[in-house]
């Protein structure tokens, strides 16, 4: 699998845009979730105070998700963000953990 590397500034811009996209998607759909972007971190909280954290790790150009169900690290491979652990796709995992936390049927479409 080909790993696509961005420059540091490209990765920072991409992840800033990604966090804004996730926040806007959640706000637009009215799911039982509240978002706050704070630097390198997107904090998402359910009505039951369950926390989901999406952050970026600039040195490795990875996106990370921390949720009650576990921690996930994703690197861009062939144009998709994939987990090194099980090859799961970032937006699929994010939608799953948000659905579990909120009780809503959350679907975050792929952001390019």
C-alpha atoms as a PDB file:
ATOM      1  CA  UNK A   1       0.000   0.000   0.000  1.00  0.00           C
ATOM      2  CA  UNK A   2       1.266   3.434  -0.900  1.00  0.00           C
ATOM      3  CA  UNK A   3       1.446   5.912   1.947  1.00  0.00           C
ATOM      4  CA  UNK A   4       0.817   9.452   0.743  1.00  0.00           C
ATOM      5  CA  UNK A   5       2.810  12.055   2.654  1.00  0.00           C
ATOM      6  CA  UNK A   6       1.802  15.688   2.775  1.00  0.00           C
ATOM      7  CA  UNK A   7       3.971  18.559   3.812  1.00  0.00           C
ATOM      8  CA  UNK A   8       3.454  19.551   7.432  1.00  0.00           C
ATOM      9  CA  UNK A   9       1.499  22.657   6.408  1.00  0.00           C
ATOM     10  CA  UNK A  10      -0.693  20.587   4.037  1.00  0.00           C
ATOM     11  CA  UNK A  11      -1.443  18.105   6.833  1.00  0.00           C
ATOM     12  CA  UNK A  12      -2.272  20.895   9.291  1.00  0.00           C
ATOM     13  CA  UNK A  13      -4.578  22.577   6.763  1.00  0.00           C
ATOM     14  CA  UNK A  14      -6.242  19.272   5.873  1.00  0.00           C
ATOM     15  CA  UNK A  15      -6.864  18.358   9.512  1.00  0.00           C
ATOM     16  CA  UNK A  16      -8.180  21.871  10.322  1.00  0.00           C
ATOM     17  CA  UNK A  17     -10.593  21.554   7.398  1.00  0.00           C
ATOM     18  CA  UNK A  18     -11.505  18.005   8.457  1.00  0.00           C
ATOM     19  CA  UNK A  19     -12.325  19.060  12.024  1.00  0.00           C
ATOM     20  CA  UNK A  20     -14.506  21.917  10.728  1.00  0.00           C
ATOM     21  CA  UNK A  21     -16.232  19.490   8.317  1.00  0.00           C
ATOM     22  CA  UNK A  22     -16.995  16.986  11.095  1.00  0.00           C
ATOM     23  CA  UNK A  23     -18.308  19.746  13.368  1.00  0.00           C
ATOM     24  CA  UNK A  24     -20.482  21.209  10.585  1.00  0.00           C
ATOM     25  CA  UNK A  25     -21.832  17.764   9.635  1.00  0.00           C
ATOM     26  CA  UNK A  26     -22.796  17.019  13.248  1.00  0.00           C
ATOM     27  CA  UNK A  27     -24.377  20.471  13.735  1.00  0.00           C
ATOM     28  CA  UNK A  28     -26.297  20.245  10.442  1.00  0.00           C
ATOM     29  CA  UNK A  29     -27.844  16.853  11.246  1.00  0.00           C
ATOM     30  CA  UNK A  30     -28.870  17.687  14.812  1.00  0.00           C
ATOM     31  CA  UNK A  31     -27.506  14.501  16.350  1.00  0.00           C
ATOM     32  CA  UNK A  32     -27.273  14.391  20.163  1.00  0.00           C
ATOM     33  CA  UNK A  33     -23.642  15.504  20.071  1.00  0.00           C
ATOM     34  CA  UNK A  34     -21.804  18.712  20.890  1.00  0.00           C
ATOM     35  CA  UNK A  35     -18.463  19.655  19.298  1.00  0.00           C
ATOM     36  CA  UNK A  36     -15.629  21.961  20.195  1.00  0.00           C
ATOM     37  CA  UNK A  37     -12.393  22.452  18.286  1.00  0.00           C
ATOM     38  CA  UNK A  38      -9.457  23.287  20.523  1.00  0.00           C
ATOM     39  CA  UNK A  39      -6.156  23.463  18.624  1.00  0.00           C
ATOM     40  CA  UNK A  40      -5.084  19.975  17.534  1.00  0.00           C
ATOM     41  CA  UNK A  41      -8.168  18.389  19.079  1.00  0.00           C
ATOM     42  CA  UNK A  42     -11.837  18.041  18.190  1.00  0.00           C
ATOM     43  CA  UNK A  43     -13.809  17.189  21.325  1.00  0.00           C
ATOM     44  CA  UNK A  44     -17.212  15.609  20.767  1.00  0.00           C
ATOM     45  CA  UNK A  45     -19.539  15.008  23.697  1.00  0.00           C
ATOM     46  CA  UNK A  46     -22.821  13.112  23.870  1.00  0.00           C
ATOM     47  CA  UNK A  47     -25.809  14.166  25.967  1.00  0.00           C
ATOM     48  CA  UNK A  48     -24.698  11.479  28.469  1.00  0.00           C
ATOM     49  CA  UNK A  49     -21.303  13.226  28.768  1.00  0.00           C
ATOM     50  CA  UNK A  50     -19.469  10.494  26.848  1.00  0.00           C
ATOM     51  CA  UNK A  51     -16.348  11.977  25.261  1.00  0.00           C
ATOM     52  CA  UNK A  52     -14.969  11.212  21.816  1.00  0.00           C
ATOM     53  CA  UNK A  53     -11.709  12.898  20.920  1.00  0.00           C
ATOM     54  CA  UNK A  54     -10.377  13.273  17.389  1.00  0.00           C
ATOM     55  CA  UNK A  55      -6.890  14.656  17.160  1.00  0.00           C
ATOM     56  CA  UNK A  56      -4.007  14.904  14.787  1.00  0.00           C
ATOM     57  CA  UNK A  57      -0.472  13.753  15.341  1.00  0.00           C
ATOM     58  CA  UNK A  58       1.586  15.982  13.088  1.00  0.00           C
ATOM     59  CA  UNK A  59       4.935  14.176  13.421  1.00  0.00           C
ATOM     60  CA  UNK A  60       3.495  10.917  12.049  1.00  0.00           C
ATOM     61  CA  UNK A  61       0.719  12.533   9.980  1.00  0.00           C
ATOM     62  CA  UNK A  62      -1.898  10.405  11.695  1.00  0.00           C
ATOM     63  CA  UNK A  63      -5.461  11.042  12.765  1.00  0.00           C
ATOM     64  CA  UNK A  64      -6.426   9.542  16.108  1.00  0.00           C
ATOM     65  CA  UNK A  65      -9.809   8.733  17.616  1.00  0.00           C
ATOM     66  CA  UNK A  66     -10.178   8.106  21.343  1.00  0.00           C
ATOM     67  CA  UNK A  67     -13.536   6.732  22.483  1.00  0.00           C
ATOM     68  CA  UNK A  68     -14.993   4.549  25.190  1.00  0.00           C
ATOM     69  CA  UNK A  69     -14.643   1.598  22.808  1.00  0.00           C
ATOM     70  CA  UNK A  70     -10.904   2.191  22.330  1.00  0.00           C
ATOM     71  CA  UNK A  71      -8.198   4.189  20.645  1.00  0.00           C
ATOM     72  CA  UNK A  72      -7.594   4.202  16.919  1.00  0.00           C
ATOM     73  CA  UNK A  73      -4.709   5.539  14.804  1.00  0.00           C
ATOM     74  CA  UNK A  74      -5.148   6.231  11.084  1.00  0.00           C
ATOM     75  CA  UNK A  75      -2.595   6.979   8.373  1.00  0.00           C
ATOM     76  CA  UNK A  76      -3.404   7.996   4.831  1.00  0.00           C
ATOM     77  CA  UNK A  77      -2.910   5.076   2.473  1.00  0.00           C
ATOM     78  CA  UNK A  78      -3.895   5.185  -1.194  1.00  0.00           C
ATOM     79  CA  UNK A  79      -6.138   8.188  -0.589  1.00  0.00           C
ATOM     80  CA  UNK A  80      -7.958   6.785   2.460  1.00  0.00           C
ATOM     81  CA  UNK A  81      -7.368   7.090   6.184  1.00  0.00           C
ATOM     82  CA  UNK A  82      -6.820   3.510   7.364  1.00  0.00           C
ATOM     83  CA  UNK A  83      -6.078   1.963  10.742  1.00  0.00           C
ATOM     84  CA  UNK A  84      -2.743   0.158  10.982  1.00  0.00           C
ATOM     85  CA  UNK A  85      -4.353  -2.288  13.426  1.00  0.00           C
ATOM     86  CA  UNK A  86      -7.183  -3.673  11.288  1.00  0.00           C
ATOM     87  CA  UNK A  87      -7.308  -1.560   8.091  1.00  0.00           C
ATOM     88  CA  UNK A  88     -10.644  -0.031   9.157  1.00  0.00           C
ATOM     89  CA  UNK A  89     -11.517   3.286   7.539  1.00  0.00           C
ATOM     90  CA  UNK A  90     -11.524   6.519   9.596  1.00  0.00           C
ATOM     91  CA  UNK A  91     -15.022   7.731   8.678  1.00  0.00           C
ATOM     92  CA  UNK A  92     -16.570   4.297   9.267  1.00  0.00           C
ATOM     93  CA  UNK A  93     -14.999   4.053  12.735  1.00  0.00           C
ATOM     94  CA  UNK A  94     -15.886   7.667  13.586  1.00  0.00           C
ATOM     95  CA  UNK A  95     -19.513   7.114  12.549  1.00  0.00           C
ATOM     96  CA  UNK A  96     -19.653   3.922  14.648  1.00  0.00           C
ATOM     97  CA  UNK A  97     -18.257   5.464  17.840  1.00  0.00           C
ATOM     98  CA  UNK A  98     -20.476   8.542  17.469  1.00  0.00           C
ATOM     99  CA  UNK A  99     -23.542   6.345  16.918  1.00  0.00           C
ATOM    100  CA  UNK A 100     -22.737   4.319  20.039  1.00  0.00           C
ATOM    101  CA  UNK A 101     -22.189   7.447  22.135  1.00  0.00           C
ATOM    102  CA  UNK A 102     -25.266   9.342  20.976  1.00  0.00           C
ATOM    103  CA  UNK A 103     -27.788   6.594  20.304  1.00  0.00           C
ATOM    104  CA  UNK A 104     -28.397   8.264  16.924  1.00  0.00           C
ATOM    105  CA  UNK A 105     -27.678   6.739  13.515  1.00  0.00           C
ATOM    106  CA  UNK A 106     -24.630   8.896  12.760  1.00  0.00           C
ATOM    107  CA  UNK A 107     -23.018   8.842   9.338  1.00  0.00           C
ATOM    108  CA  UNK A 108     -20.076  11.129   8.648  1.00  0.00           C
ATOM    109  CA  UNK A 109     -19.442  10.936   4.883  1.00  0.00           C
ATOM    110  CA  UNK A 110     -15.870  10.764   3.593  1.00  0.00           C
ATOM    111  CA  UNK A 111     -14.146  14.158   3.402  1.00  0.00           C
ATOM    112  CA  UNK A 112     -11.618  14.689   0.623  1.00  0.00           C
END
